[in-house]
Amino acid sequence: LIRLITYPLTARQIKQTRAMTDLQNSPRYKKMQEKYKDNRDQLAQEQMKLYREAGVSPFGSCLPTIVQLLIIIGLYQSIIKVMAATPLEMVKLERLIYPFLDSSKLIPVQNHFLWMDLGQPERLLVGGIQIPILAILVVATTWIQGKVMEPPSGGANDQAVAMTRSMNLYMPLLMGWMAFSLASGLALYFLASNIATI
């Protein structure tokens, strides 16, 4: 649902990234880089002028990333609050939701899905070994998502392609670590979000 709601931002991000790649592979851009290779300030001014003429924003891909980060922070906070794991958190949740009722029969919230406690990091016990299935799936789907969304290489923008490739290496590890160490409800969101994006 969140991916569906944020789809217009994501589509805009992809269009801006592709337009930026096309622009940076254009002969005009290459000539500009060659002409101003010794004058970085002039090159930056000319690049910005070219971006404005083409209607491309170099920061056009930042907004969806910021929105997603805010959603993840909000989701994490709501999981931590709703999936109260200690008696004190349970009392705080009860007072927050039902300050005027005796809600002892309404709480705790159902916090199990399949084998997971959504408020705790996920581990599946197989033959006496705890395996972080969700973390592994998050790493794999984040890597696939990065490969699917990777811009084509070549042209004047080799530095951006190299940066994208390094992000496609580090991002799965970061997301996997978060899925491994944070609440499994958040890891489940990462997995569903990655699959929807792919």
C-alpha atoms as a PDB file:
ATOM      1  CA  LEU A   1       0.000   0.000   0.000  1.00  0.00           C
ATOM      2  CA  ILE A   2       2.826   2.403   0.861  1.00  0.00           C
ATOM      3  CA  ARG A   3       4.578   1.590  -2.431  1.00  0.00           C
ATOM      4  CA  LEU A   4       1.333   2.252  -4.288  1.00  0.00           C
ATOM      5  CA  ILE A   5       0.878   5.605  -2.538  1.00  0.00           C
ATOM      6  CA  THR A   6       4.494   6.654  -3.171  1.00  0.00           C
ATOM      7  CA  TYR A   7       4.503   5.358  -6.769  1.00  0.00           C
ATOM      8  CA  PRO A   8       4.167   8.846  -8.337  1.00  0.00           C
ATOM      9  CA  LEU A   9       7.310   9.944  -6.474  1.00  0.00           C
ATOM     10  CA  THR A  10       9.161   6.768  -7.442  1.00  0.00           C
ATOM     11  CA  ALA A  11       8.137   7.102 -11.103  1.00  0.00           C
ATOM     12  CA  ARG A  12       9.345  10.710 -11.070  1.00  0.00           C
ATOM     13  CA  GLN A  13      12.628   9.612  -9.497  1.00  0.00           C
ATOM     14  CA  ILE A  14      13.185   6.975 -12.199  1.00  0.00           C
ATOM     15  CA  LYS A  15      12.328   9.450 -14.991  1.00  0.00           C
ATOM     16  CA  GLN A  16      14.702  12.063 -13.538  1.00  0.00           C
ATOM     17  CA  THR A  17      17.497   9.499 -13.209  1.00  0.00           C
ATOM     18  CA  ARG A  18      17.054   8.305 -16.792  1.00  0.00           C
ATOM     19  CA  ALA A  19      16.846  11.859 -18.116  1.00  0.00           C
ATOM     20  CA  MET A  20      20.002  12.757 -16.193  1.00  0.00           C
ATOM     21  CA  THR A  21      21.820   9.711 -17.633  1.00  0.00           C
ATOM     22  CA  ASP A  22      20.701  10.537 -21.178  1.00  0.00           C
ATOM     23  CA  LEU A  23      21.747  14.155 -20.731  1.00  0.00           C
ATOM     24  CA  GLN A  24      25.163  13.201 -19.363  1.00  0.00           C
ATOM     25  CA  ASN A  25      25.741  10.892 -22.323  1.00  0.00           C
ATOM     26  CA  SER A  26      24.835  13.590 -24.853  1.00  0.00           C
ATOM     27  CA  PRO A  27      27.531  15.088 -27.133  1.00  0.00           C
ATOM     28  CA  ARG A  28      26.814  18.597 -25.802  1.00  0.00           C
ATOM     29  CA  TYR A  29      27.500  17.488 -22.231  1.00  0.00           C
ATOM     30  CA  LYS A  30      30.727  15.737 -23.254  1.00  0.00           C
ATOM     31  CA  LYS A  31      31.928  18.819 -25.116  1.00  0.00           C
ATOM     32  CA  MET A  32      31.124  20.944 -22.077  1.00  0.00           C
ATOM     33  CA  GLN A  33      33.165  18.648 -19.834  1.00  0.00           C
ATOM     34  CA  GLU A  34      36.095  18.775 -22.231  1.00  0.00           C
ATOM     35  CA  LYS A  35      35.899  22.559 -22.648  1.00  0.00           C
ATOM     36  CA  TYR A  36      35.723  23.339 -18.901  1.00  0.00           C
ATOM     37  CA  LYS A  37      37.758  20.428 -17.517  1.00  0.00           C
ATOM     38  CA  ASP A  38      40.204  22.842 -15.845  1.00  0.00           C
ATOM     39  CA  ASN A  39      37.543  25.228 -14.512  1.00  0.00           C
ATOM     40  CA  ARG A  40      35.202  23.359 -12.140  1.00  0.00           C
ATOM     41  CA  ASP A  41      33.134  26.428 -11.219  1.00  0.00           C
ATOM     42  CA  GLN A  42      32.384  27.288 -14.833  1.00  0.00           C
ATOM     43  CA  LEU A  43      31.615  23.613 -15.557  1.00  0.00           C
ATOM     44  CA  ALA A  44      29.122  23.512 -12.673  1.00  0.00           C
ATOM     45  CA  GLN A  45      27.418  26.691 -13.923  1.00  0.00           C
ATOM     46  CA  GLU A  46      27.166  25.342 -17.463  1.00  0.00           C
ATOM     47  CA  GLN A  47      25.853  22.012 -16.212  1.00  0.00           C
ATOM     48  CA  MET A  48      23.138  23.711 -14.161  1.00  0.00           C
ATOM     49  CA  LYS A  49      22.182  25.811 -17.191  1.00  0.00           C
ATOM     50  CA  LEU A  50      21.938  22.662 -19.318  1.00  0.00           C
ATOM     51  CA  TYR A  51      19.852  20.914 -16.626  1.00  0.00           C
ATOM     52  CA  ARG A  52      17.425  23.861 -16.511  1.00  0.00           C
ATOM     53  CA  GLU A  53      17.091  23.902 -20.314  1.00  0.00           C
ATOM     54  CA  ALA A  54      16.369  20.164 -20.370  1.00  0.00           C
ATOM     55  CA  GLY A  55      13.999  20.361 -17.386  1.00  0.00           C
ATOM     56  CA  VAL A  56      16.122  17.947 -15.366  1.00  0.00           C
ATOM     57  CA  SER A  57      16.705  18.406 -11.657  1.00  0.00           C
ATOM     58  CA  PRO A  58      19.921  16.924 -10.240  1.00  0.00           C
ATOM     59  CA  PHE A  59      18.084  16.595  -6.912  1.00  0.00           C
ATOM     60  CA  GLY A  60      14.919  15.076  -8.423  1.00  0.00           C
ATOM     61  CA  SER A  61      15.681  11.652  -7.031  1.00  0.00           C
ATOM     62  CA  CYS A  62      16.141  12.817  -3.423  1.00  0.00           C
ATOM     63  CA  LEU A  63      12.493  13.430  -2.429  1.00  0.00           C
ATOM     64  CA  PRO A  64      11.308   9.797  -2.769  1.00  0.00           C
ATOM     65  CA  THR A  65      14.291   8.634  -0.731  1.00  0.00           C
ATOM     66  CA  ILE A  66      13.517  11.117   2.044  1.00  0.00           C
ATOM     67  CA  VAL A  67       9.810  10.171   2.023  1.00  0.00           C
ATOM     68  CA  GLN A  68      10.703   6.464   2.263  1.00  0.00           C
ATOM     69  CA  LEU A  69      13.091   7.173   5.153  1.00  0.00           C
ATOM     70  CA  LEU A  70      10.354   9.034   7.031  1.00  0.00           C
ATOM     71  CA  ILE A  71       7.933   6.160   6.411  1.00  0.00           C
ATOM     72  CA  ILE A  72      10.473   3.631   7.725  1.00  0.00           C
ATOM     73  CA  ILE A  73      11.094   5.701  10.865  1.00  0.00           C
ATOM     74  CA  GLY A  74       7.338   6.064  11.474  1.00  0.00           C
ATOM     75  CA  LEU A  75       6.727   2.374  10.823  1.00  0.00           C
ATOM     76  CA  TYR A  76       9.517   1.366  13.184  1.00  0.00           C
ATOM     77  CA  GLN A  77       8.189   3.633  15.933  1.00  0.00           C
ATOM     78  CA  SER A  78       4.641   2.303  15.519  1.00  0.00           C
ATOM     79  CA  ILE A  79       5.854  -1.317  15.612  1.00  0.00           C
ATOM     80  CA  ILE A  80       7.847  -0.661  18.774  1.00  0.00           C
ATOM     81  CA  LYS A  81       4.871   1.044  20.453  1.00  0.00           C
ATOM     82  CA  VAL A  82       2.149  -1.386  19.351  1.00  0.00           C
ATOM     83  CA  MET A  83       4.151  -4.592  19.780  1.00  0.00           C
ATOM     84  CA  ALA A  84       4.864  -3.886  23.430  1.00  0.00           C
ATOM     85  CA  ALA A  85       7.413  -6.464  24.571  1.00  0.00           C
ATOM     86  CA  THR A  86       7.712  -5.591  28.278  1.00  0.00           C
ATOM     87  CA  PRO A  87       5.082  -5.017  30.967  1.00  0.00           C
ATOM     88  CA  LEU A  88       6.011  -1.325  31.224  1.00  0.00           C
ATOM     89  CA  GLU A  89       5.567  -0.841  27.458  1.00  0.00           C
ATOM     90  CA  MET A  90       2.225  -2.658  27.736  1.00  0.00           C
ATOM     91  CA  VAL A  91       1.019  -0.243  30.443  1.00  0.00           C
ATOM     92  CA  LYS A  92       2.165   2.755  28.354  1.00  0.00           C
ATOM     93  CA  LEU A  93       0.353   1.390  25.298  1.00  0.00           C
ATOM     94  CA  GLU A  94      -2.812   0.783  27.314  1.00  0.00           C
ATOM     95  CA  ARG A  95      -2.778   4.339  28.673  1.00  0.00           C
ATOM     96  CA  LEU A  96      -2.055   5.762  25.223  1.00  0.00           C
ATOM     97  CA  ILE A  97      -4.849   3.948  23.399  1.00  0.00           C
ATOM     98  CA  TYR A  98      -7.529   3.631  26.075  1.00  0.00           C
ATOM     99  CA  PRO A  99      -6.922   6.161  28.864  1.00  0.00           C
ATOM    100  CA  PHE A 100     -10.569   5.994  29.959  1.00  0.00           C
ATOM    101  CA  LEU A 101     -11.191   2.205  29.705  1.00  0.00           C
ATOM    102  CA  ASP A 102      -9.979  -0.940  31.362  1.00  0.00           C
ATOM    103  CA  SER A 103      -8.336  -2.352  28.286  1.00  0.00           C
ATOM    104  CA  SER A 104      -6.766  -5.417  29.874  1.00  0.00           C
ATOM    105  CA  LYS A 105      -8.935  -7.606  27.646  1.00  0.00           C
ATOM    106  CA  LEU A 106      -8.047  -5.705  24.461  1.00  0.00           C
ATOM    107  CA  ILE A 107      -4.288  -5.737  24.869  1.00  0.00           C
ATOM    108  CA  PRO A 108      -1.841  -7.203  23.915  1.00  0.00           C
ATOM    109  CA  VAL A 109      -2.184  -6.654  20.197  1.00  0.00           C
ATOM    110  CA  GLN A 110      -1.786  -9.835  18.125  1.00  0.00           C
ATOM    111  CA  ASN A 111       1.903  -9.650  17.358  1.00  0.00           C
ATOM    112  CA  HIS A 112       2.550 -13.004  15.672  1.00  0.00           C
ATOM    113  CA  PHE A 113       2.590 -13.661  11.945  1.00  0.00           C
ATOM    114  CA  LEU A 114       3.649 -17.089  10.695  1.00  0.00           C
ATOM    115  CA  TRP A 115       6.699 -17.946  12.857  1.00  0.00           C
ATOM    116  CA  MET A 116       7.553 -14.320  13.683  1.00  0.00           C
ATOM    117  CA  ASP A 117       6.992 -12.068  16.669  1.00  0.00           C
ATOM    118  CA  LEU A 118       6.621  -8.813  14.707  1.00  0.00           C
ATOM    119  CA  GLY A 119       8.032  -6.727  17.573  1.00  0.00           C
ATOM    120  CA  GLN A 120      11.277  -8.729  17.803  1.00  0.00           C
ATOM    121  CA  PRO A 121      14.071  -9.560  15.345  1.00  0.00           C
ATOM    122  CA  GLU A 122      13.125 -12.621  13.271  1.00  0.00           C
ATOM    123  CA  ARG A 123      14.889 -15.971  13.616  1.00  0.00           C
ATOM    124  CA  LEU A 124      13.617 -19.359  12.463  1.00  0.00           C
ATOM    125  CA  LEU A 125      14.807 -22.287  14.566  1.00  0.00           C
ATOM    126  CA  VAL A 126      15.876 -25.109  12.231  1.00  0.00           C
ATOM    127  CA  GLY A 127      17.662 -28.104  13.762  1.00  0.00           C
ATOM    128  CA  GLY A 128      18.763 -26.108  16.789  1.00  0.00           C
ATOM    129  CA  ILE A 129      20.181 -23.274  14.643  1.00  0.00           C
ATOM    130  CA  GLN A 130      18.574 -19.838  14.447  1.00  0.00           C
ATOM    131  CA  ILE A 131      18.401 -18.719  10.811  1.00  0.00           C
ATOM    132  CA  PRO A 132      17.437 -15.104   9.950  1.00  0.00           C
ATOM    133  CA  ILE A 133      15.273 -15.981   6.927  1.00  0.00           C
ATOM    134  CA  LEU A 134      13.836 -12.461   6.533  1.00  0.00           C
ATOM    135  CA  ALA A 135      17.267 -10.825   6.677  1.00  0.00           C
ATOM    136  CA  ILE A 136      18.527 -13.172   3.936  1.00  0.00           C
ATOM    137  CA  LEU A 137      15.458 -12.472   1.783  1.00  0.00           C
ATOM    138  CA  VAL A 138      15.826  -8.711   2.337  1.00  0.00           C
ATOM    139  CA  VAL A 139      19.493  -8.826   1.224  1.00  0.00           C
ATOM    140  CA  ALA A 140      18.606 -10.836  -1.894  1.00  0.00           C
ATOM    141  CA  THR A 141      15.621  -8.695  -2.925  1.00  0.00           C
ATOM    142  CA  THR A 142      17.481  -5.425  -2.249  1.00  0.00           C
ATOM    143  CA  TRP A 143      20.321  -6.626  -4.489  1.00  0.00           C
ATOM    144  CA  ILE A 144      17.871  -7.663  -7.248  1.00  0.00           C
ATOM    145  CA  GLN A 145      16.056  -4.319  -6.937  1.00  0.00           C
ATOM    146  CA  GLY A 146      19.380  -2.478  -7.314  1.00  0.00           C
ATOM    147  CA  LYS A 147      20.236  -4.494 -10.436  1.00  0.00           C
ATOM    148  CA  VAL A 148      16.809  -3.859 -11.965  1.00  0.00           C
ATOM    149  CA  MET A 149      17.034  -0.117 -11.346  1.00  0.00           C
ATOM    150  CA  GLU A 150      20.737   0.286 -12.262  1.00  0.00           C
ATOM    151  CA  PRO A 151      21.244   2.771 -15.111  1.00  0.00           C
ATOM    152  CA  PRO A 152      23.095   1.549 -18.215  1.00  0.00           C
ATOM    153  CA  SER A 153      26.833   2.113 -18.147  1.00  0.00           C
ATOM    154  CA  GLY A 154      29.023   3.945 -20.615  1.00  0.00           C
ATOM    155  CA  GLY A 155      29.478   7.497 -21.738  1.00  0.00           C
ATOM    156  CA  ALA A 156      30.592  10.475 -19.724  1.00  0.00           C
ATOM    157  CA  ASN A 157      28.831   9.377 -16.573  1.00  0.00           C
ATOM    158  CA  ASP A 158      31.146   6.512 -15.582  1.00  0.00           C
ATOM    159  CA  GLN A 159      31.623   8.015 -12.116  1.00  0.00           C
ATOM    160  CA  ALA A 160      27.870   7.956 -11.447  1.00  0.00           C
ATOM    161  CA  VAL A 161      27.649   4.360 -12.698  1.00  0.00           C
ATOM    162  CA  ALA A 162      30.525   3.373 -10.383  1.00  0.00           C
ATOM    163  CA  MET A 163      28.779   5.088  -7.472  1.00  0.00           C
ATOM    164  CA  THR A 164      25.510   3.308  -8.291  1.00  0.00           C
ATOM    165  CA  ARG A 165      27.300  -0.029  -8.403  1.00  0.00           C
ATOM    166  CA  SER A 166      28.934   0.565  -5.029  1.00  0.00           C
ATOM    167  CA  MET A 167      25.531   1.533  -3.589  1.00  0.00           C
ATOM    168  CA  ASN A 168      24.122  -1.703  -5.027  1.00  0.00           C
ATOM    169  CA  LEU A 169      26.797  -3.539  -3.061  1.00  0.00           C
ATOM    170  CA  TYR A 170      26.434  -1.693   0.263  1.00  0.00           C
ATOM    171  CA  MET A 171      22.673  -1.126   0.323  1.00  0.00           C
ATOM    172  CA  PRO A 172      21.740  -4.837   0.525  1.00  0.00           C
ATOM    173  CA  LEU A 173      24.193  -5.249   3.408  1.00  0.00           C
ATOM    174  CA  LEU A 174      22.761  -2.239   5.261  1.00  0.00           C
ATOM    175  CA  MET A 175      19.155  -3.344   4.710  1.00  0.00           C
ATOM    176  CA  GLY A 176      20.074  -6.905   5.712  1.00  0.00           C
ATOM    177  CA  TRP A 177      21.695  -5.679   8.924  1.00  0.00           C
ATOM    178  CA  MET A 178      18.594  -3.621   9.738  1.00  0.00           C
ATOM    179  CA  ALA A 179      16.342  -6.623   8.995  1.00  0.00           C
ATOM    180  CA  PHE A 180      18.584  -8.804  11.169  1.00  0.00           C
ATOM    181  CA  SER A 181      18.721  -6.470  14.166  1.00  0.00           C
ATOM    182  CA  LEU A 182      15.396  -4.568  14.195  1.00  0.00           C
ATOM    183  CA  ALA A 183      11.784  -5.700  14.604  1.00  0.00           C
ATOM    184  CA  SER A 184      10.667  -8.343  12.109  1.00  0.00           C
ATOM    185  CA  GLY A 185       7.619  -6.223  11.260  1.00  0.00           C
ATOM    186  CA  LEU A 186      10.013  -3.712   9.696  1.00  0.00           C
ATOM    187  CA  ALA A 187      11.941  -6.466   7.900  1.00  0.00           C
ATOM    188  CA  LEU A 188       8.642  -7.769   6.530  1.00  0.00           C
ATOM    189  CA  TYR A 189       7.919  -4.250   5.223  1.00  0.00           C
ATOM    190  CA  PHE A 190      11.374  -4.127   3.552  1.00  0.00           C
ATOM    191  CA  LEU A 191      10.730  -7.481   1.875  1.00  0.00           C
ATOM    192  CA  ALA A 192       7.242  -6.571   0.633  1.00  0.00           C
ATOM    193  CA  SER A 193       8.474  -3.156  -0.530  1.00  0.00           C
ATOM    194  CA  ASN A 194      11.397  -4.687  -2.443  1.00  0.00           C
ATOM    195  CA  ILE A 195       9.162  -7.239  -4.152  1.00  0.00           C
ATOM    196  CA  ALA A 196       6.655  -4.535  -5.115  1.00  0.00           C
ATOM    197  CA  THR A 197       9.455  -2.349  -6.514  1.00  0.00           C
ATOM    198  CA  ILE A 198      10.979  -5.201  -8.518  1.00  0.00           C
END
